[in-house]
């Protein structure tokens, strides 16, 4: 795993991306110029190993503990994905877009796009990056917390 150390400004931007905002919307929310936001976004992506796109950046930031991992939600057992949908989610978390996922999986692009929309709807995401955060909350991505053994 690549160690990721984000500045406070980069971290604030990535947290807003994880909450569903675009880079431009995050700039407004942070009271910074769009150019500054784009610069922080590019820097954070470089620090995260050059991951393409906001979904990959959010996922890598959680994996490297550069962002606080979201807490699990109570309805985690309510979401069930097909094998193809889970594969699409995993590849979205790597930062791949629909065209890249279709090419990698040898699945038709319209099918991949449908699966990505279905995954986003199933987890309650509002954007691809927010879908990654929701998948972490639902424990569809990331490492589950260890469960203490039951008392004898």
N, C-alpha and C. Protein backbone atom coordinates (compact mmCIF):
# COMPACT_ATOMS: atom_id res chain seq x y z
N UNK A 1 0.85 -1.18 0.00
CA UNK A 1 0.00 0.00 0.00
C UNK A 1 0.89 1.24 0.00
N UNK A 2 0.49 2.22 -0.78
CA UNK A 2 1.23 3.46 -0.91
C UNK A 2 0.90 4.35 0.29
N UNK A 3 1.93 4.82 1.04
CA UNK A 3 1.63 5.75 2.12
C UNK A 3 1.12 7.07 1.52
N UNK A 4 0.02 7.54 2.03
CA UNK A 4 -0.58 8.77 1.52
C UNK A 4 -0.66 9.76 2.67
N UNK A 5 0.02 10.88 2.50
CA UNK A 5 -0.03 11.95 3.51
C UNK A 5 -0.56 13.20 2.83
N UNK A 6 -1.79 13.51 3.11
CA UNK A 6 -2.43 14.67 2.50
C UNK A 6 -2.28 15.89 3.40
N UNK A 7 -2.14 17.06 2.77
CA UNK A 7 -2.17 18.30 3.55
C UNK A 7 -3.61 18.50 4.06
N UNK A 8 -3.77 19.43 4.98
CA UNK A 8 -5.11 19.71 5.50
C UNK A 8 -6.04 20.16 4.37
N UNK A 9 -5.54 20.97 3.45
CA UNK A 9 -6.36 21.44 2.33
C UNK A 9 -6.74 20.31 1.39
N UNK A 10 -5.79 19.42 1.10
CA UNK A 10 -6.09 18.27 0.24
C UNK A 10 -7.10 17.35 0.90
N UNK A 11 -6.91 17.12 2.19
CA UNK A 11 -7.83 16.24 2.92
C UNK A 11 -9.25 16.81 2.93
N UNK A 12 -9.37 18.10 3.16
CA UNK A 12 -10.69 18.73 3.17
C UNK A 12 -11.36 18.58 1.80
N UNK A 13 -10.59 18.74 0.74
CA UNK A 13 -11.13 18.59 -0.61
C UNK A 13 -11.58 17.16 -0.86
N UNK A 14 -10.75 16.19 -0.51
CA UNK A 14 -11.09 14.78 -0.76
C UNK A 14 -12.30 14.37 0.06
N UNK A 15 -12.43 14.87 1.28
CA UNK A 15 -13.61 14.57 2.09
C UNK A 15 -14.88 15.08 1.41
N UNK A 16 -14.81 16.26 0.82
CA UNK A 16 -15.98 16.79 0.12
C UNK A 16 -16.28 15.98 -1.14
N UNK A 17 -15.25 15.52 -1.84
CA UNK A 17 -15.47 14.64 -2.99
C UNK A 17 -16.16 13.36 -2.53
N UNK A 18 -15.71 12.82 -1.40
CA UNK A 18 -16.31 11.59 -0.86
C UNK A 18 -17.77 11.81 -0.48
N UNK A 19 -18.12 13.05 -0.18
CA UNK A 19 -19.50 13.37 0.18
C UNK A 19 -20.36 13.70 -1.04
N UNK A 20 -19.78 13.59 -2.24
CA UNK A 20 -20.57 13.74 -3.45
C UNK A 20 -20.38 15.03 -4.21
N UNK A 21 -19.55 15.93 -3.72
CA UNK A 21 -19.34 17.19 -4.43
C UNK A 21 -18.34 17.00 -5.56
N UNK A 22 -18.43 17.86 -6.57
CA UNK A 22 -17.42 17.92 -7.62
C UNK A 22 -16.27 18.79 -7.12
N UNK A 23 -15.18 18.82 -7.86
CA UNK A 23 -14.06 19.67 -7.47
C UNK A 23 -14.49 21.14 -7.46
N UNK A 24 -15.26 21.56 -8.45
CA UNK A 24 -15.73 22.95 -8.50
C UNK A 24 -16.65 23.27 -7.32
N UNK A 25 -17.55 22.35 -6.99
CA UNK A 25 -18.44 22.56 -5.85
C UNK A 25 -17.65 22.59 -4.55
N UNK A 26 -16.63 21.75 -4.45
CA UNK A 26 -15.78 21.74 -3.25
C UNK A 26 -15.03 23.05 -3.12
N UNK A 27 -14.60 23.63 -4.23
CA UNK A 27 -13.91 24.92 -4.19
C UNK A 27 -14.81 25.98 -3.58
N UNK A 28 -16.06 26.00 -4.00
CA UNK A 28 -17.02 26.98 -3.45
C UNK A 28 -17.21 26.72 -1.95
N UNK A 29 -17.40 25.46 -1.58
CA UNK A 29 -17.62 25.12 -0.17
C UNK A 29 -16.42 25.48 0.70
N UNK A 30 -15.22 25.35 0.14
CA UNK A 30 -14.01 25.65 0.90
C UNK A 30 -13.61 27.13 0.81
N UNK A 31 -14.29 27.87 -0.07
CA UNK A 31 -13.95 29.28 -0.24
C UNK A 31 -12.61 29.49 -0.91
N UNK A 32 -12.27 28.60 -1.83
CA UNK A 32 -11.01 28.72 -2.57
C UNK A 32 -11.33 28.80 -4.07
N UNK A 33 -10.34 29.20 -4.83
CA UNK A 33 -10.56 29.31 -6.27
C UNK A 33 -10.62 27.92 -6.90
N UNK A 34 -11.32 27.80 -8.03
CA UNK A 34 -11.34 26.51 -8.73
C UNK A 34 -9.94 26.03 -9.10
N UNK A 35 -9.04 26.97 -9.44
CA UNK A 35 -7.66 26.57 -9.78
C UNK A 35 -6.95 25.98 -8.58
N UNK A 36 -7.15 26.56 -7.41
CA UNK A 36 -6.54 26.02 -6.19
C UNK A 36 -7.11 24.64 -5.89
N UNK A 37 -8.42 24.48 -6.06
CA UNK A 37 -9.04 23.18 -5.83
C UNK A 37 -8.48 22.14 -6.80
N UNK A 38 -8.38 22.49 -8.07
CA UNK A 38 -7.83 21.56 -9.07
C UNK A 38 -6.39 21.20 -8.73
N UNK A 39 -5.62 22.17 -8.24
CA UNK A 39 -4.23 21.92 -7.86
C UNK A 39 -4.16 20.95 -6.68
N UNK A 40 -5.02 21.15 -5.69
CA UNK A 40 -5.05 20.24 -4.53
C UNK A 40 -5.50 18.84 -4.94
N UNK A 41 -6.46 18.79 -5.86
CA UNK A 41 -6.95 17.51 -6.37
C UNK A 41 -5.83 16.77 -7.09
N UNK A 42 -5.12 17.45 -7.96
CA UNK A 42 -4.02 16.83 -8.71
C UNK A 42 -2.92 16.37 -7.76
N UNK A 43 -2.61 17.18 -6.77
CA UNK A 43 -1.57 16.83 -5.81
C UNK A 43 -1.98 15.60 -4.99
N UNK A 44 -3.22 15.57 -4.54
CA UNK A 44 -3.71 14.43 -3.76
C UNK A 44 -3.68 13.15 -4.60
N UNK A 45 -4.07 13.26 -5.87
CA UNK A 45 -4.03 12.08 -6.75
C UNK A 45 -2.61 11.58 -6.94
N UNK A 46 -1.66 12.50 -7.12
CA UNK A 46 -0.24 12.09 -7.23
C UNK A 46 0.22 11.37 -5.96
N UNK A 47 -0.11 11.93 -4.81
CA UNK A 47 0.29 11.33 -3.54
C UNK A 47 -0.34 9.95 -3.34
N UNK A 48 -1.50 9.73 -3.95
CA UNK A 48 -2.20 8.45 -3.83
C UNK A 48 -1.76 7.48 -4.92
N UNK A 49 -0.64 7.76 -5.55
CA UNK A 49 -0.09 6.84 -6.54
C UNK A 49 -0.55 7.11 -7.95
N UNK A 50 -1.08 8.30 -8.19
CA UNK A 50 -1.53 8.65 -9.53
C UNK A 50 -2.85 8.02 -9.92
N UNK A 51 -3.66 7.65 -8.93
CA UNK A 51 -4.95 7.02 -9.23
C UNK A 51 -5.78 7.93 -10.11
N UNK A 52 -6.44 7.35 -11.11
CA UNK A 52 -7.29 8.18 -11.96
C UNK A 52 -8.64 8.43 -11.31
N UNK A 53 -9.04 9.67 -11.27
CA UNK A 53 -10.39 10.01 -10.84
C UNK A 53 -10.62 10.07 -9.35
N UNK A 54 -11.70 10.74 -9.01
CA UNK A 54 -12.08 10.92 -7.61
C UNK A 54 -12.42 9.62 -6.90
N UNK A 55 -13.12 8.65 -7.55
CA UNK A 55 -13.41 7.41 -6.83
C UNK A 55 -12.15 6.68 -6.38
N UNK A 56 -11.16 6.61 -7.26
CA UNK A 56 -9.90 5.95 -6.89
C UNK A 56 -9.17 6.70 -5.79
N UNK A 57 -9.22 8.03 -5.85
CA UNK A 57 -8.58 8.84 -4.82
C UNK A 57 -9.23 8.62 -3.46
N UNK A 58 -10.55 8.62 -3.43
CA UNK A 58 -11.26 8.41 -2.16
C UNK A 58 -10.93 7.03 -1.60
N UNK A 59 -11.01 6.01 -2.44
CA UNK A 59 -10.73 4.64 -1.99
C UNK A 59 -9.30 4.50 -1.48
N UNK A 60 -8.34 4.99 -2.26
CA UNK A 60 -6.93 4.88 -1.85
C UNK A 60 -6.68 5.66 -0.57
N UNK A 61 -7.35 6.80 -0.40
CA UNK A 61 -7.18 7.60 0.82
C UNK A 61 -7.71 6.85 2.04
N UNK A 62 -8.83 6.13 1.88
CA UNK A 62 -9.33 5.31 2.99
C UNK A 62 -8.37 4.15 3.26
N UNK A 63 -7.92 3.49 2.20
CA UNK A 63 -7.03 2.33 2.37
C UNK A 63 -5.75 2.72 3.11
N UNK A 64 -5.23 3.90 2.80
CA UNK A 64 -3.97 4.36 3.40
C UNK A 64 -4.18 5.12 4.71
N UNK A 65 -5.43 5.19 5.17
CA UNK A 65 -5.77 5.94 6.38
C UNK A 65 -5.42 7.41 6.28
N UNK A 66 -5.39 7.95 5.06
CA UNK A 66 -5.19 9.38 4.87
C UNK A 66 -6.48 10.14 5.17
N UNK A 67 -7.60 9.45 5.05
CA UNK A 67 -8.91 9.96 5.48
C UNK A 67 -9.44 9.02 6.53
N UNK A 68 -10.19 9.55 7.48
CA UNK A 68 -10.84 8.67 8.45
C UNK A 68 -11.83 7.79 7.71
N UNK A 69 -11.74 6.50 7.97
CA UNK A 69 -12.66 5.57 7.32
C UNK A 69 -14.08 5.80 7.84
N UNK A 70 -15.05 5.78 6.94
CA UNK A 70 -16.42 6.02 7.41
C UNK A 70 -16.91 4.88 8.28
N UNK A 71 -17.73 5.24 9.25
CA UNK A 71 -18.28 4.21 10.14
C UNK A 71 -19.31 3.38 9.40
N UNK A 72 -19.40 2.13 9.79
CA UNK A 72 -20.37 1.22 9.18
C UNK A 72 -21.78 1.71 9.50
N UNK A 73 -22.69 1.45 8.60
CA UNK A 73 -24.09 1.80 8.82
C UNK A 73 -24.88 0.55 9.16
N UNK A 74 -26.01 0.76 9.81
CA UNK A 74 -26.80 -0.37 10.29
C UNK A 74 -27.42 -1.21 9.19
N UNK A 75 -27.69 -0.61 8.03
CA UNK A 75 -28.37 -1.34 6.98
C UNK A 75 -27.41 -2.02 6.01
N UNK A 76 -26.21 -2.34 6.47
CA UNK A 76 -25.19 -2.93 5.61
C UNK A 76 -25.64 -4.26 5.00
N UNK A 77 -26.44 -5.02 5.71
CA UNK A 77 -26.88 -6.33 5.19
C UNK A 77 -27.99 -6.19 4.16
N UNK A 78 -28.53 -5.00 4.00
CA UNK A 78 -29.66 -4.80 3.08
C UNK A 78 -29.23 -4.68 1.62
N UNK A 79 -27.94 -4.48 1.37
CA UNK A 79 -27.46 -4.28 0.00
C UNK A 79 -26.82 -5.56 -0.51
N UNK A 80 -27.34 -6.02 -1.63
CA UNK A 80 -26.80 -7.22 -2.26
C UNK A 80 -26.49 -6.90 -3.70
N UNK A 81 -25.25 -7.15 -4.09
CA UNK A 81 -24.82 -6.89 -5.46
C UNK A 81 -24.57 -8.22 -6.17
N UNK A 82 -24.82 -8.22 -7.47
CA UNK A 82 -24.47 -9.40 -8.27
C UNK A 82 -22.94 -9.46 -8.39
N UNK A 83 -22.44 -10.56 -8.88
CA UNK A 83 -20.99 -10.69 -9.08
C UNK A 83 -20.46 -9.63 -10.02
N UNK A 84 -21.17 -9.37 -11.11
CA UNK A 84 -20.73 -8.35 -12.06
C UNK A 84 -20.79 -6.95 -11.45
N UNK A 85 -21.80 -6.69 -10.63
CA UNK A 85 -21.89 -5.39 -9.97
C UNK A 85 -20.76 -5.20 -8.97
N UNK A 86 -20.43 -6.25 -8.22
CA UNK A 86 -19.33 -6.16 -7.26
C UNK A 86 -18.01 -5.93 -7.99
N UNK A 87 -17.82 -6.61 -9.12
CA UNK A 87 -16.61 -6.42 -9.92
C UNK A 87 -16.55 -4.97 -10.43
N UNK A 88 -17.69 -4.45 -10.87
CA UNK A 88 -17.74 -3.06 -11.32
C UNK A 88 -17.38 -2.12 -10.19
N UNK A 89 -17.94 -2.34 -9.01
CA UNK A 89 -17.62 -1.51 -7.85
C UNK A 89 -16.13 -1.57 -7.53
N UNK A 90 -15.56 -2.76 -7.51
CA UNK A 90 -14.14 -2.89 -7.20
C UNK A 90 -13.27 -2.13 -8.20
N UNK A 91 -13.64 -2.18 -9.47
CA UNK A 91 -12.87 -1.48 -10.50
C UNK A 91 -13.12 0.02 -10.44
N UNK A 92 -14.32 0.44 -10.06
CA UNK A 92 -14.58 1.87 -9.83
C UNK A 92 -13.66 2.37 -8.71
N UNK A 93 -13.49 1.54 -7.67
CA UNK A 93 -12.64 1.91 -6.54
C UNK A 93 -11.17 2.04 -6.95
N UNK A 94 -10.80 1.35 -8.01
CA UNK A 94 -9.43 1.50 -8.54
C UNK A 94 -9.30 2.77 -9.37
N UNK A 95 -10.43 3.43 -9.64
CA UNK A 95 -10.42 4.66 -10.40
C UNK A 95 -10.74 4.49 -11.86
N UNK A 96 -11.12 3.28 -12.27
CA UNK A 96 -11.44 3.06 -13.68
C UNK A 96 -12.81 3.63 -14.02
N UNK A 97 -12.93 4.17 -15.23
CA UNK A 97 -14.23 4.64 -15.70
C UNK A 97 -14.94 3.50 -16.42
N UNK A 98 -16.16 3.75 -16.86
CA UNK A 98 -16.97 2.68 -17.47
C UNK A 98 -16.29 2.09 -18.71
N UNK A 99 -15.70 2.92 -19.54
CA UNK A 99 -15.03 2.41 -20.74
C UNK A 99 -13.87 1.50 -20.38
N UNK A 100 -13.10 1.90 -19.38
CA UNK A 100 -11.96 1.09 -18.95
C UNK A 100 -12.42 -0.21 -18.31
N UNK A 101 -13.51 -0.16 -17.56
CA UNK A 101 -14.05 -1.38 -16.94
C UNK A 101 -14.53 -2.33 -18.02
N UNK A 102 -15.22 -1.80 -19.02
CA UNK A 102 -15.71 -2.64 -20.11
C UNK A 102 -14.55 -3.31 -20.84
N UNK A 103 -13.51 -2.55 -21.08
CA UNK A 103 -12.35 -3.11 -21.77
C UNK A 103 -11.67 -4.18 -20.91
N UNK A 104 -11.51 -3.91 -19.65
CA UNK A 104 -10.82 -4.86 -18.76
C UNK A 104 -11.61 -6.14 -18.54
N UNK A 105 -12.93 -6.01 -18.46
CA UNK A 105 -13.77 -7.17 -18.15
C UNK A 105 -14.33 -7.85 -19.40
N UNK A 106 -14.13 -7.22 -20.56
CA UNK A 106 -14.65 -7.74 -21.83
C UNK A 106 -16.18 -7.79 -21.83
N UNK A 107 -16.78 -6.86 -21.09
CA UNK A 107 -18.24 -6.75 -21.05
C UNK A 107 -18.67 -5.55 -21.88
N UNK A 108 -19.83 -5.59 -22.49
CA UNK A 108 -20.28 -4.45 -23.29
C UNK A 108 -20.41 -3.18 -22.45
N UNK A 109 -20.00 -2.06 -23.04
CA UNK A 109 -20.04 -0.79 -22.34
C UNK A 109 -21.43 -0.45 -21.79
N UNK A 110 -22.51 -0.64 -22.56
CA UNK A 110 -23.83 -0.33 -21.98
C UNK A 110 -24.16 -1.17 -20.74
N UNK A 111 -23.68 -2.40 -20.71
CA UNK A 111 -23.92 -3.27 -19.54
C UNK A 111 -23.13 -2.75 -18.34
N UNK A 112 -21.89 -2.35 -18.57
CA UNK A 112 -21.06 -1.81 -17.49
C UNK A 112 -21.69 -0.52 -16.96
N UNK A 113 -22.14 0.33 -17.86
CA UNK A 113 -22.78 1.58 -17.42
C UNK A 113 -24.03 1.30 -16.59
N UNK A 114 -24.83 0.32 -17.03
CA UNK A 114 -26.02 -0.05 -16.27
C UNK A 114 -25.63 -0.57 -14.89
N UNK A 115 -24.61 -1.45 -14.84
CA UNK A 115 -24.16 -1.97 -13.55
C UNK A 115 -23.67 -0.86 -12.64
N UNK A 116 -22.94 0.11 -13.19
CA UNK A 116 -22.43 1.22 -12.38
C UNK A 116 -23.60 2.05 -11.83
N UNK A 117 -24.61 2.29 -12.67
CA UNK A 117 -25.80 3.02 -12.19
C UNK A 117 -26.52 2.22 -11.11
N UNK A 118 -26.63 0.91 -11.33
CA UNK A 118 -27.32 0.06 -10.35
C UNK A 118 -26.57 0.01 -9.02
N UNK A 119 -25.24 -0.05 -9.09
CA UNK A 119 -24.43 -0.04 -7.86
C UNK A 119 -24.62 1.28 -7.12
N UNK A 120 -24.54 2.38 -7.86
CA UNK A 120 -24.71 3.69 -7.25
C UNK A 120 -26.08 3.80 -6.57
N UNK A 121 -27.12 3.34 -7.25
CA UNK A 121 -28.46 3.38 -6.66
C UNK A 121 -28.57 2.45 -5.46
N UNK A 122 -27.98 1.27 -5.55
CA UNK A 122 -28.09 0.28 -4.46
C UNK A 122 -27.45 0.79 -3.17
N UNK A 123 -26.34 1.50 -3.30
CA UNK A 123 -25.64 1.97 -2.10
C UNK A 123 -26.08 3.36 -1.68
N UNK A 124 -26.89 4.03 -2.51
CA UNK A 124 -27.35 5.37 -2.18
C UNK A 124 -26.33 6.44 -2.50
N UNK A 125 -25.49 6.19 -3.50
CA UNK A 125 -24.48 7.17 -3.90
C UNK A 125 -25.07 8.28 -4.74
N UNK A 126 -24.44 9.44 -4.69
CA UNK A 126 -24.87 10.58 -5.49
C UNK A 126 -23.87 10.92 -6.58
N UNK A 127 -22.69 10.33 -6.51
CA UNK A 127 -21.63 10.52 -7.49
C UNK A 127 -20.74 9.28 -7.41
N UNK A 128 -19.85 9.09 -8.37
CA UNK A 128 -18.96 7.93 -8.26
C UNK A 128 -18.11 7.92 -6.98
N UNK A 129 -17.58 9.08 -6.59
CA UNK A 129 -16.77 9.13 -5.37
C UNK A 129 -17.63 8.87 -4.13
N UNK A 130 -18.85 9.41 -4.11
CA UNK A 130 -19.75 9.16 -2.99
C UNK A 130 -20.17 7.70 -2.94
N UNK A 131 -20.28 7.07 -4.11
CA UNK A 131 -20.58 5.63 -4.17
C UNK A 131 -19.50 4.84 -3.45
N UNK A 132 -18.25 5.25 -3.62
CA UNK A 132 -17.14 4.57 -2.93
C UNK A 132 -17.27 4.75 -1.42
N UNK A 133 -17.56 5.96 -0.97
CA UNK A 133 -17.75 6.18 0.47
C UNK A 133 -18.90 5.32 1.00
N UNK A 134 -20.03 5.32 0.29
CA UNK A 134 -21.16 4.51 0.74
C UNK A 134 -20.81 3.03 0.76
N UNK A 135 -20.04 2.57 -0.22
CA UNK A 135 -19.63 1.16 -0.24
C UNK A 135 -18.75 0.85 0.96
N UNK A 136 -17.93 1.78 1.38
CA UNK A 136 -17.13 1.58 2.59
C UNK A 136 -18.06 1.52 3.81
N UNK A 137 -19.05 2.42 3.88
CA UNK A 137 -19.97 2.42 5.01
C UNK A 137 -20.74 1.11 5.08
N UNK A 138 -21.04 0.56 3.93
CA UNK A 138 -21.80 -0.69 3.86
C UNK A 138 -20.88 -1.92 3.91
N UNK A 139 -19.61 -1.69 4.05
CA UNK A 139 -18.58 -2.74 4.12
C UNK A 139 -18.55 -3.62 2.87
N UNK A 140 -18.86 -3.00 1.73
CA UNK A 140 -18.69 -3.67 0.45
C UNK A 140 -17.27 -3.48 -0.06
N UNK A 141 -16.57 -2.49 0.50
CA UNK A 141 -15.17 -2.22 0.19
C UNK A 141 -14.42 -2.07 1.51
N UNK A 142 -13.13 -2.27 1.46
CA UNK A 142 -12.30 -2.08 2.63
C UNK A 142 -12.25 -3.33 3.49
N UNK A 143 -11.46 -3.23 4.51
CA UNK A 143 -11.27 -4.35 5.41
C UNK A 143 -12.25 -4.23 6.56
N UNK A 144 -13.00 -5.26 6.77
CA UNK A 144 -13.96 -5.26 7.88
C UNK A 144 -13.22 -5.25 9.21
N UNK A 145 -13.82 -4.63 10.17
CA UNK A 145 -13.25 -4.63 11.51
C UNK A 145 -13.28 -6.05 12.07
N UNK A 146 -12.22 -6.44 12.79
CA UNK A 146 -12.25 -7.78 13.37
C UNK A 146 -13.38 -7.94 14.38
N UNK A 147 -13.97 -9.09 14.37
CA UNK A 147 -15.07 -9.39 15.29
C UNK A 147 -14.50 -10.19 16.46
N UNK A 148 -14.82 -9.73 17.66
CA UNK A 148 -14.36 -10.46 18.84
C UNK A 148 -15.06 -11.80 18.93
N UNK A 149 -14.33 -12.84 19.30
CA UNK A 149 -14.99 -14.16 19.42
C UNK A 149 -16.04 -14.14 20.52
N UNK A 150 -17.06 -14.91 20.32
CA UNK A 150 -18.14 -15.01 21.31
C UNK A 150 -17.60 -15.67 22.57
N UNK A 151 -18.10 -15.23 23.70
CA UNK A 151 -17.69 -15.81 24.98
C UNK A 151 -18.22 -17.23 25.08
N UNK A 152 -17.41 -18.14 25.64
CA UNK A 152 -17.87 -19.53 25.77
C UNK A 152 -19.03 -19.69 26.73
